[in-house]
Amino acid sequence: MDMNKTEYMVYYIDNEFDGGGHQAMHFTGDGAMSRALEYMQVLREPGRGITFITMASESVENVGKLGVSAVVDGKCPDGGDFLGRTSRHGMQLLRGR
């Protein structure tokens, strides 16, 4: 892998696939992270039969988890409401839906 190029993989289970198939999509090049995140949003649309969506990368510049970087007065950096608790406690993480 070229150390100057970050690659992203989106993994998910397609329950509409015969028997529930594990799927993956590879993203590379300019805008790879944005394209991967947009793809994940499409997969999350209701009625698609997709579960367990996750993204991974080998980014050497990534520091910390993907997602919300800060919550100030109950707001995400994009201005959306943040409602959530960690899934570790059995609660669902929600962003202003």
PDB file of N, CA and C in Angstrom:
ATOM      1  N   MET A   1       0.835  -1.183   0.000  1.00  0.00           N
ATOM      2  CA  MET A   1       0.000   0.000   0.000  1.00  0.00           C
ATOM      3  C   MET A   1       0.876   1.240   0.000  1.00  0.00           C
ATOM      4  N   ASP A   2       0.574   2.190  -0.832  1.00  0.00           N
ATOM      5  CA  ASP A   2       1.245   3.475  -0.890  1.00  0.00           C
ATOM      6  C   ASP A   2       0.928   4.224   0.401  1.00  0.00           C
ATOM      7  N   MET A   3       1.935   4.615   1.167  1.00  0.00           N
ATOM      8  CA  MET A   3       1.712   5.264   2.456  1.00  0.00           C
ATOM      9  C   MET A   3       1.075   6.644   2.311  1.00  0.00           C
ATOM     10  N   ASN A   4       1.100   7.231   1.120  1.00  0.00           N
ATOM     11  CA  ASN A   4       0.482   8.533   0.905  1.00  0.00           C
ATOM     12  C   ASN A   4      -0.980   8.406   0.489  1.00  0.00           C
ATOM     13  N   LYS A   5      -1.461   7.187   0.307  1.00  0.00           N
ATOM     14  CA  LYS A   5      -2.822   6.954  -0.157  1.00  0.00           C
ATOM     15  C   LYS A   5      -3.573   6.134   0.886  1.00  0.00           C
ATOM     16  N   THR A   6      -4.648   6.673   1.399  1.00  0.00           N
ATOM     17  CA  THR A   6      -5.453   5.958   2.379  1.00  0.00           C
ATOM     18  C   THR A   6      -6.557   5.208   1.667  1.00  0.00           C
ATOM     19  N   GLU A   7      -6.731   3.969   2.031  1.00  0.00           N
ATOM     20  CA  GLU A   7      -7.776   3.135   1.468  1.00  0.00           C
ATOM     21  C   GLU A   7      -8.790   2.818   2.565  1.00  0.00           C
ATOM     22  N   TYR A   8     -10.042   2.699   2.175  1.00  0.00           N
ATOM     23  CA  TYR A   8     -11.116   2.405   3.118  1.00  0.00           C
ATOM     24  C   TYR A   8     -11.897   1.193   2.630  1.00  0.00           C
ATOM     25  N   MET A   9     -12.349   0.383   3.583  1.00  0.00           N
ATOM     26  CA  MET A   9     -13.204  -0.758   3.292  1.00  0.00           C
ATOM     27  C   MET A   9     -14.486  -0.601   4.091  1.00  0.00           C
ATOM     28  N   VAL A  10     -15.621  -0.806   3.433  1.00  0.00           N
ATOM     29  CA  VAL A  10     -16.920  -0.828   4.104  1.00  0.00           C
ATOM     30  C   VAL A  10     -17.384  -2.278   4.091  1.00  0.00           C
ATOM     31  N   TYR A  11     -17.665  -2.799   5.275  1.00  0.00           N
ATOM     32  CA  TYR A  11     -18.130  -4.177   5.429  1.00  0.00           C
ATOM     33  C   TYR A  11     -19.572  -4.169   5.921  1.00  0.00           C
ATOM     34  N   TYR A  12     -20.372  -5.125   5.451  1.00  0.00           N
ATOM     35  CA  TYR A  12     -21.763  -5.206   5.880  1.00  0.00           C
ATOM     36  C   TYR A  12     -22.329  -6.581   5.557  1.00  0.00           C
ATOM     37  N   ILE A  13     -23.497  -6.864   6.133  1.00  0.00           N
ATOM     38  CA  ILE A  13     -24.213  -8.106   5.845  1.00  0.00           C
ATOM     39  C   ILE A  13     -25.470  -7.753   5.079  1.00  0.00           C
ATOM     40  N   ASP A  14     -25.634  -8.370   3.927  1.00  0.00           N
ATOM     41  CA  ASP A  14     -26.820  -8.177   3.090  1.00  0.00           C
ATOM     42  C   ASP A  14     -27.773  -9.327   3.364  1.00  0.00           C
ATOM     43  N   ASN A  15     -28.800  -9.058   4.169  1.00  0.00           N
ATOM     44  CA  ASN A  15     -29.753 -10.102   4.555  1.00  0.00           C
ATOM     45  C   ASN A  15     -30.685 -10.497   3.421  1.00  0.00           C
ATOM     46  N   GLU A  16     -30.714  -9.722   2.341  1.00  0.00           N
ATOM     47  CA  GLU A  16     -31.523 -10.056   1.167  1.00  0.00           C
ATOM     48  C   GLU A  16     -30.784 -11.059   0.270  1.00  0.00           C
ATOM     49  N   PHE A  17     -29.473 -11.132   0.440  1.00  0.00           N
ATOM     50  CA  PHE A  17     -28.643 -12.073  -0.298  1.00  0.00           C
ATOM     51  C   PHE A  17     -28.964 -13.468   0.209  1.00  0.00           C
ATOM     52  N   ASP A  18     -28.937 -14.462  -0.648  1.00  0.00           N
ATOM     53  CA  ASP A  18     -29.273 -15.835  -0.297  1.00  0.00           C
ATOM     54  C   ASP A  18     -28.493 -16.276   0.946  1.00  0.00           C
ATOM     55  N   GLY A  19     -29.187 -16.420   2.068  1.00  0.00           N
ATOM     56  CA  GLY A  19     -28.558 -16.867   3.303  1.00  0.00           C
ATOM     57  C   GLY A  19     -27.888 -15.757   4.092  1.00  0.00           C
ATOM     58  N   GLY A  20     -27.943 -14.527   3.651  1.00  0.00           N
ATOM     59  CA  GLY A  20     -27.298 -13.421   4.370  1.00  0.00           C
ATOM     60  C   GLY A  20     -25.821 -13.378   4.075  1.00  0.00           C
ATOM     61  N   GLY A  21     -25.439 -12.647   3.071  1.00  0.00           N
ATOM     62  CA  GLY A  21     -24.052 -12.649   2.633  1.00  0.00           C
ATOM     63  C   GLY A  21     -23.214 -11.514   3.190  1.00  0.00           C
ATOM     64  N   HIS A  22     -21.996 -11.844   3.568  1.00  0.00           N
ATOM     65  CA  HIS A  22     -21.025 -10.833   3.979  1.00  0.00           C
ATOM     66  C   HIS A  22     -20.527 -10.123   2.728  1.00  0.00           C
ATOM     67  N   GLN A  23     -20.554  -8.808   2.756  1.00  0.00           N
ATOM     68  CA  GLN A  23     -20.168  -8.015   1.598  1.00  0.00           C
ATOM     69  C   GLN A  23     -19.103  -7.003   1.986  1.00  0.00           C
ATOM     70  N   ALA A  24     -18.372  -6.510   1.005  1.00  0.00           N
ATOM     71  CA  ALA A  24     -17.370  -5.476   1.243  1.00  0.00           C
ATOM     72  C   ALA A  24     -17.250  -4.604  -0.003  1.00  0.00           C
ATOM     73  N   MET A  25     -16.922  -3.339   0.217  1.00  0.00           N
ATOM     74  CA  MET A  25     -16.695  -2.403  -0.878  1.00  0.00           C
ATOM     75  C   MET A  25     -15.422  -1.630  -0.559  1.00  0.00           C
ATOM     76  N   HIS A  26     -14.566  -1.505  -1.560  1.00  0.00           N
ATOM     77  CA  HIS A  26     -13.257  -0.858  -1.423  1.00  0.00           C
ATOM     78  C   HIS A  26     -13.299   0.550  -2.000  1.00  0.00           C
ATOM     79  N   PHE A  27     -12.735   1.528  -1.270  1.00  0.00           N
ATOM     80  CA  PHE A  27     -12.678   2.913  -1.723  1.00  0.00           C
ATOM     81  C   PHE A  27     -11.239   3.403  -1.633  1.00  0.00           C
ATOM     82  N   THR A  28     -10.773   4.052  -2.700  1.00  0.00           N
ATOM     83  CA  THR A  28      -9.420   4.574  -2.725  1.00  0.00           C
ATOM     84  C   THR A  28      -9.386   5.844  -3.575  1.00  0.00           C
ATOM     85  N   GLY A  29      -8.315   6.571  -3.482  1.00  0.00           N
ATOM     86  CA  GLY A  29      -8.154   7.777  -4.288  1.00  0.00           C
ATOM     87  C   GLY A  29      -8.718   9.013  -3.608  1.00  0.00           C
ATOM     88  N   ASP A  30      -8.762  10.120  -4.347  1.00  0.00           N
ATOM     89  CA  ASP A  30      -9.270  11.381  -3.819  1.00  0.00           C
ATOM     90  C   ASP A  30     -10.707  11.228  -3.354  1.00  0.00           C
ATOM     91  N   GLY A  31     -10.989  11.720  -2.167  1.00  0.00           N
ATOM     92  CA  GLY A  31     -12.351  11.673  -1.641  1.00  0.00           C
ATOM     93  C   GLY A  31     -12.808  10.308  -1.190  1.00  0.00           C
ATOM     94  N   ALA A  32     -11.885   9.372  -0.994  1.00  0.00           N
ATOM     95  CA  ALA A  32     -12.256   7.998  -0.640  1.00  0.00           C
ATOM     96  C   ALA A  32     -13.067   7.929   0.648  1.00  0.00           C
ATOM     97  N   MET A  33     -12.666   8.683   1.665  1.00  0.00           N
ATOM     98  CA  MET A  33     -13.380   8.624   2.934  1.00  0.00           C
ATOM     99  C   MET A  33     -14.806   9.166   2.773  1.00  0.00           C
ATOM    100  N   SER A  34     -14.965  10.262   2.081  1.00  0.00           N
ATOM    101  CA  SER A  34     -16.299  10.834   1.859  1.00  0.00           C
ATOM    102  C   SER A  34     -17.183   9.873   1.082  1.00  0.00           C
ATOM    103  N   ARG A  35     -16.625   9.239   0.052  1.00  0.00           N
ATOM    104  CA  ARG A  35     -17.404   8.287  -0.740  1.00  0.00           C
ATOM    105  C   ARG A  35     -17.798   7.074   0.086  1.00  0.00           C
ATOM    106  N   ALA A  36     -16.890   6.610   0.953  1.00  0.00           N
ATOM    107  CA  ALA A  36     -17.189   5.468   1.818  1.00  0.00           C
ATOM    108  C   ALA A  36     -18.310   5.816   2.802  1.00  0.00           C
ATOM    109  N   LEU A  37     -18.247   7.012   3.392  1.00  0.00           N
ATOM    110  CA  LEU A  37     -19.286   7.437   4.328  1.00  0.00           C
ATOM    111  C   LEU A  37     -20.629   7.610   3.630  1.00  0.00           C
ATOM    112  N   GLU A  38     -20.621   8.159   2.426  1.00  0.00           N
ATOM    113  CA  GLU A  38     -21.868   8.306   1.654  1.00  0.00           C
ATOM    114  C   GLU A  38     -22.467   6.935   1.339  1.00  0.00           C
ATOM    115  N   TYR A  39     -21.617   5.977   0.982  1.00  0.00           N
ATOM    116  CA  TYR A  39     -22.071   4.620   0.694  1.00  0.00           C
ATOM    117  C   TYR A  39     -22.717   4.000   1.931  1.00  0.00           C
ATOM    118  N   MET A  40     -22.105   4.226   3.102  1.00  0.00           N
ATOM    119  CA  MET A  40     -22.659   3.695   4.343  1.00  0.00           C
ATOM    120  C   MET A  40     -24.039   4.290   4.619  1.00  0.00           C
ATOM    121  N   GLN A  41     -24.228   5.570   4.321  1.00  0.00           N
ATOM    122  CA  GLN A  41     -25.537   6.196   4.506  1.00  0.00           C
ATOM    123  C   GLN A  41     -26.582   5.537   3.620  1.00  0.00           C
ATOM    124  N   VAL A  42     -26.227   5.231   2.389  1.00  0.00           N
ATOM    125  CA  VAL A  42     -27.150   4.551   1.477  1.00  0.00           C
ATOM    126  C   VAL A  42     -27.506   3.168   2.025  1.00  0.00           C
ATOM    127  N   LEU A  43     -26.515   2.457   2.538  1.00  0.00           N
ATOM    128  CA  LEU A  43     -26.764   1.126   3.089  1.00  0.00           C
ATOM    129  C   LEU A  43     -27.714   1.177   4.280  1.00  0.00           C
ATOM    130  N   ARG A  44     -27.694   2.285   5.023  1.00  0.00           N
ATOM    131  CA  ARG A  44     -28.532   2.412   6.224  1.00  0.00           C
ATOM    132  C   ARG A  44     -29.976   2.799   5.921  1.00  0.00           C
ATOM    133  N   GLU A  45     -30.314   3.062   4.669  1.00  0.00           N
ATOM    134  CA  GLU A  45     -31.682   3.445   4.329  1.00  0.00           C
ATOM    135  C   GLU A  45     -32.644   2.318   4.706  1.00  0.00           C
ATOM    136  N   PRO A  46     -33.814   2.680   5.259  1.00  0.00           N
ATOM    137  CA  PRO A  46     -34.799   1.670   5.670  1.00  0.00           C
ATOM    138  C   PRO A  46     -35.211   0.764   4.510  1.00  0.00           C
ATOM    139  N   GLY A  47     -35.442  -0.492   4.836  1.00  0.00           N
ATOM    140  CA  GLY A  47     -35.946  -1.446   3.861  1.00  0.00           C
ATOM    141  C   GLY A  47     -34.893  -2.112   2.992  1.00  0.00           C
ATOM    142  N   ARG A  48     -33.625  -1.792   3.191  1.00  0.00           N
ATOM    143  CA  ARG A  48     -32.569  -2.373   2.354  1.00  0.00           C
ATOM    144  C   ARG A  48     -32.146  -3.768   2.826  1.00  0.00           C
ATOM    145  N   GLY A  49     -32.461  -4.129   4.062  1.00  0.00           N
ATOM    146  CA  GLY A  49     -32.077  -5.448   4.560  1.00  0.00           C
ATOM    147  C   GLY A  49     -30.586  -5.565   4.855  1.00  0.00           C
ATOM    148  N   ILE A  50     -29.958  -4.443   5.145  1.00  0.00           N
ATOM    149  CA  ILE A  50     -28.519  -4.420   5.417  1.00  0.00           C
ATOM    150  C   ILE A  50     -28.291  -4.240   6.921  1.00  0.00           C
ATOM    151  N   THR A  51     -27.374  -5.021   7.492  1.00  0.00           N
ATOM    152  CA  THR A  51     -27.050  -4.907   8.918  1.00  0.00           C
ATOM    153  C   THR A  51     -25.535  -4.940   9.116  1.00  0.00           C
ATOM    154  N   PHE A  52     -25.110  -4.607  10.309  1.00  0.00           N
ATOM    155  CA  PHE A  52     -23.703  -4.669  10.729  1.00  0.00           C
ATOM    156  C   PHE A  52     -22.777  -3.922   9.772  1.00  0.00           C
ATOM    157  N   ILE A  53     -23.055  -2.655   9.556  1.00  0.00           N
ATOM    158  CA  ILE A  53     -22.257  -1.820   8.654  1.00  0.00           C
ATOM    159  C   ILE A  53     -21.092  -1.236   9.435  1.00  0.00           C
ATOM    160  N   THR A  54     -19.890  -1.391   8.900  1.00  0.00           N
ATOM    161  CA  THR A  54     -18.708  -0.837   9.552  1.00  0.00           C
ATOM    162  C   THR A  54     -17.684  -0.434   8.503  1.00  0.00           C
ATOM    163  N   MET A  55     -16.759   0.438   8.899  1.00  0.00           N
ATOM    164  CA  MET A  55     -15.717   0.894   7.985  1.00  0.00           C
ATOM    165  C   MET A  55     -14.362   0.723   8.656  1.00  0.00           C
ATOM    166  N   ALA A  56     -13.373   0.373   7.868  1.00  0.00           N
ATOM    167  CA  ALA A  56     -12.008   0.217   8.371  1.00  0.00           C
ATOM    168  C   ALA A  56     -11.042   0.873   7.394  1.00  0.00           C
ATOM    169  N   SER A  57      -9.895   1.293   7.931  1.00  0.00           N
ATOM    170  CA  SER A  57      -8.859   1.862   7.064  1.00  0.00           C
ATOM    171  C   SER A  57      -7.496   1.569   7.650  1.00  0.00           C
ATOM    172  N   GLU A  58      -6.498   1.783   6.841  1.00  0.00           N
ATOM    173  CA  GLU A  58      -5.110   1.650   7.269  1.00  0.00           C
ATOM    174  C   GLU A  58      -4.476   3.036   7.316  1.00  0.00           C
ATOM    175  N   SER A  59      -5.283   4.052   7.624  1.00  0.00           N
ATOM    176  CA  SER A  59      -4.807   5.430   7.618  1.00  0.00           C
ATOM    177  C   SER A  59      -3.748   5.646   8.693  1.00  0.00           C
ATOM    178  N   VAL A  60      -2.596   6.111   8.275  1.00  0.00           N
ATOM    179  CA  VAL A  60      -1.539   6.411   9.241  1.00  0.00           C
ATOM    180  C   VAL A  60      -1.780   7.746   9.919  1.00  0.00           C
ATOM    181  N   GLU A  61      -2.714   8.542   9.393  1.00  0.00           N
ATOM    182  CA  GLU A  61      -3.002   9.849   9.965  1.00  0.00           C
ATOM    183  C   GLU A  61      -4.228   9.829  10.872  1.00  0.00           C
ATOM    184  N   ASN A  62      -4.931   8.713  10.949  1.00  0.00           N
ATOM    185  CA  ASN A  62      -6.139   8.619  11.754  1.00  0.00           C
ATOM    186  C   ASN A  62      -5.771   8.573  13.224  1.00  0.00           C
ATOM    187  N   VAL A  63      -6.314   9.490  14.000  1.00  0.00           N
ATOM    188  CA  VAL A  63      -6.096   9.477  15.446  1.00  0.00           C
ATOM    189  C   VAL A  63      -7.463   9.488  16.113  1.00  0.00           C
ATOM    190  N   GLY A  64      -7.837   8.400  16.697  1.00  0.00           N
ATOM    191  CA  GLY A  64      -9.127   8.318  17.364  1.00  0.00           C
ATOM    192  C   GLY A  64     -10.160   7.624  16.502  1.00  0.00           C
ATOM    193  N   LYS A  65     -11.332   7.487  17.081  1.00  0.00           N
ATOM    194  CA  LYS A  65     -12.423   6.797  16.415  1.00  0.00           C
ATOM    195  C   LYS A  65     -13.092   7.696  15.395  1.00  0.00           C
ATOM    196  N   LEU A  66     -13.650   7.086  14.331  1.00  0.00           N
ATOM    197  CA  LEU A  66     -14.428   7.828  13.357  1.00  0.00           C
ATOM    198  C   LEU A  66     -15.750   8.244  13.989  1.00  0.00           C
ATOM    199  N   GLY A  67     -16.247   9.389  13.618  1.00  0.00           N
ATOM    200  CA  GLY A  67     -17.540   9.827  14.137  1.00  0.00           C
ATOM    201  C   GLY A  67     -17.473  11.224  14.700  1.00  0.00           C
ATOM    202  N   VAL A  68     -18.270  11.481  15.701  1.00  0.00           N
ATOM    203  CA  VAL A  68     -18.363  12.802  16.297  1.00  0.00           C
ATOM    204  C   VAL A  68     -17.090  13.098  17.069  1.00  0.00           C
ATOM    205  N   SER A  69     -16.463  14.233  16.765  1.00  0.00           N
ATOM    206  CA  SER A  69     -15.207  14.588  17.415  1.00  0.00           C
ATOM    207  C   SER A  69     -15.420  15.404  18.681  1.00  0.00           C
ATOM    208  N   ALA A  70     -16.582  16.033  18.817  1.00  0.00           N
ATOM    209  CA  ALA A  70     -16.853  16.849  19.997  1.00  0.00           C
ATOM    210  C   ALA A  70     -18.354  17.062  20.132  1.00  0.00           C
ATOM    211  N   VAL A  71     -18.784  17.222  21.373  1.00  0.00           N
ATOM    212  CA  VAL A  71     -20.170  17.579  21.643  1.00  0.00           C
ATOM    213  C   VAL A  71     -20.125  18.788  22.570  1.00  0.00           C
ATOM    214  N   VAL A  72     -20.703  19.913  22.116  1.00  0.00           N
ATOM    215  CA  VAL A  72     -20.725  21.135  22.908  1.00  0.00           C
ATOM    216  C   VAL A  72     -22.182  21.543  23.086  1.00  0.00           C
ATOM    217  N   ASP A  73     -22.596  21.614  24.334  1.00  0.00           N
ATOM    218  CA  ASP A  73     -23.987  21.973  24.644  1.00  0.00           C
ATOM    219  C   ASP A  73     -24.990  21.100  23.890  1.00  0.00           C
ATOM    220  N   GLY A  74     -24.695  19.798  23.803  1.00  0.00           N
ATOM    221  CA  GLY A  74     -25.612  18.860  23.165  1.00  0.00           C
ATOM    222  C   GLY A  74     -25.635  18.912  21.654  1.00  0.00           C
ATOM    223  N   LYS A  75     -24.659  19.605  21.033  1.00  0.00           N
ATOM    224  CA  LYS A  75     -24.615  19.743  19.571  1.00  0.00           C
ATOM    225  C   LYS A  75     -23.333  19.121  19.018  1.00  0.00           C
ATOM    226  N   CYS A  76     -23.468  18.476  17.838  1.00  0.00           N
ATOM    227  CA  CYS A  76     -22.328  17.951  17.099  1.00  0.00           C
ATOM    228  C   CYS A  76     -21.667  19.112  16.347  1.00  0.00           C
ATOM    229  N   PRO A  77     -20.440  18.932  15.864  1.00  0.00           N
ATOM    230  CA  PRO A  77     -19.776  19.993  15.113  1.00  0.00           C
ATOM    231  C   PRO A  77     -20.581  20.507  13.918  1.00  0.00           C
ATOM    232  N   ASP A  78     -21.428  19.644  13.314  1.00  0.00           N
ATOM    233  CA  ASP A  78     -22.236  20.079  12.170  1.00  0.00           C
ATOM    234  C   ASP A  78     -23.530  20.773  12.594  1.00  0.00           C
ATOM    235  N   GLY A  79     -23.733  20.952  13.918  1.00  0.00           N
ATOM    236  CA  GLY A  79     -24.916  21.639  14.419  1.00  0.00           C
ATOM    237  C   GLY A  79     -26.074  20.727  14.766  1.00  0.00           C
ATOM    238  N   GLY A  80     -25.986  19.452  14.393  1.00  0.00           N
ATOM    239  CA  GLY A  80     -27.051  18.498  14.697  1.00  0.00           C
ATOM    240  C   GLY A  80     -27.081  18.142  16.170  1.00  0.00           C
ATOM    241  N   ASP A  81     -28.252  17.787  16.667  1.00  0.00           N
ATOM    242  CA  ASP A  81     -28.392  17.362  18.057  1.00  0.00           C
ATOM    243  C   ASP A  81     -27.671  16.046  18.271  1.00  0.00           C
ATOM    244  N   PHE A  82     -27.052  15.889  19.428  1.00  0.00           N
ATOM    245  CA  PHE A  82     -26.407  14.635  19.793  1.00  0.00           C
ATOM    246  C   PHE A  82     -27.202  14.017  20.930  1.00  0.00           C
ATOM    247  N   LEU A  83     -27.726  12.827  20.692  1.00  0.00           N
ATOM    248  CA  LEU A  83     -28.453  12.082  21.712  1.00  0.00           C
ATOM    249  C   LEU A  83     -27.814  10.710  21.767  1.00  0.00           C
ATOM    250  N   GLY A  84     -27.201  10.370  22.854  1.00  0.00           N
ATOM    251  CA  GLY A  84     -26.603   9.050  22.842  1.00  0.00           C
ATOM    252  C   GLY A  84     -25.909   8.661  24.112  1.00  0.00           C
ATOM    253  N   ARG A  85     -25.698   7.403  24.180  1.00  0.00           N
ATOM    254  CA  ARG A  85     -24.912   6.784  25.229  1.00  0.00           C
ATOM    255  C   ARG A  85     -24.122   5.680  24.559  1.00  0.00           C
ATOM    256  N   THR A  86     -23.116   5.206  25.203  1.00  0.00           N
ATOM    257  CA  THR A  86     -22.305   4.174  24.585  1.00  0.00           C
ATOM    258  C   THR A  86     -23.075   2.876  24.441  1.00  0.00           C
ATOM    259  N   SER A  87     -22.815   2.176  23.355  1.00  0.00           N
ATOM    260  CA  SER A  87     -23.473   0.891  23.123  1.00  0.00           C
ATOM    261  C   SER A  87     -23.018  -0.139  24.147  1.00  0.00           C
ATOM    262  N   ARG A  88     -21.922   0.133  24.793  1.00  0.00           N
ATOM    263  CA  ARG A  88     -21.411  -0.774  25.814  1.00  0.00           C
ATOM    264  C   ARG A  88     -22.430  -0.964  26.939  1.00  0.00           C
ATOM    265  N   HIS A  89     -23.282   0.037  27.144  1.00  0.00           N
ATOM    266  CA  HIS A  89     -24.292  -0.031  28.184  1.00  0.00           C
ATOM    267  C   HIS A  89     -25.656  -0.426  27.626  1.00  0.00           C
ATOM    268  N   GLY A  90     -25.667  -0.945  26.404  1.00  0.00           N
ATOM    269  CA  GLY A  90     -26.899  -1.429  25.831  1.00  0.00           C
ATOM    270  C   GLY A  90     -27.796  -0.329  25.280  1.00  0.00           C
ATOM    271  N   MET A  91     -27.285   0.883  25.136  1.00  0.00           N
ATOM    272  CA  MET A  91     -28.075   1.989  24.627  1.00  0.00           C
ATOM    273  C   MET A  91     -27.647   2.266  23.186  1.00  0.00           C
ATOM    274  N   GLN A  92     -28.550   2.797  22.412  1.00  0.00           N
ATOM    275  CA  GLN A  92     -28.288   3.079  21.016  1.00  0.00           C
ATOM    276  C   GLN A  92     -27.731   4.489  20.866  1.00  0.00           C
ATOM    277  N   LEU A  93     -26.736   4.652  20.023  1.00  0.00           N
ATOM    278  CA  LEU A  93     -26.140   5.951  19.741  1.00  0.00           C
ATOM    279  C   LEU A  93     -26.913   6.604  18.596  1.00  0.00           C
ATOM    280  N   LEU A  94     -27.431   7.787  18.844  1.00  0.00           N
ATOM    281  CA  LEU A  94     -28.248   8.481  17.844  1.00  0.00           C
ATOM    282  C   LEU A  94     -27.698   9.877  17.602  1.00  0.00           C
ATOM    283  N   ARG A  95     -27.737  10.325  16.364  1.00  0.00           N
ATOM    284  CA  ARG A  95     -27.378  11.699  16.025  1.00  0.00           C
ATOM    285  C   ARG A  95     -28.590  12.356  15.427  1.00  0.00           C
ATOM    286  N   GLY A  96     -29.180  13.328  16.127  1.00  0.00           N
ATOM    287  CA  GLY A  96     -30.288  14.159  15.696  1.00  0.00           C
ATOM    288  C   GLY A  96     -31.124  13.662  14.537  1.00  0.00           C
ATOM    289  N   ARG A  97     -31.816  12.576  14.671  1.00  0.00           N
ATOM    290  CA  ARG A  97     -32.680  12.049  13.609  1.00  0.00           C
ATOM    291  C   ARG A  97     -34.080  12.489  13.798  1.00  0.00           C
TER     292      ARG A  97
END
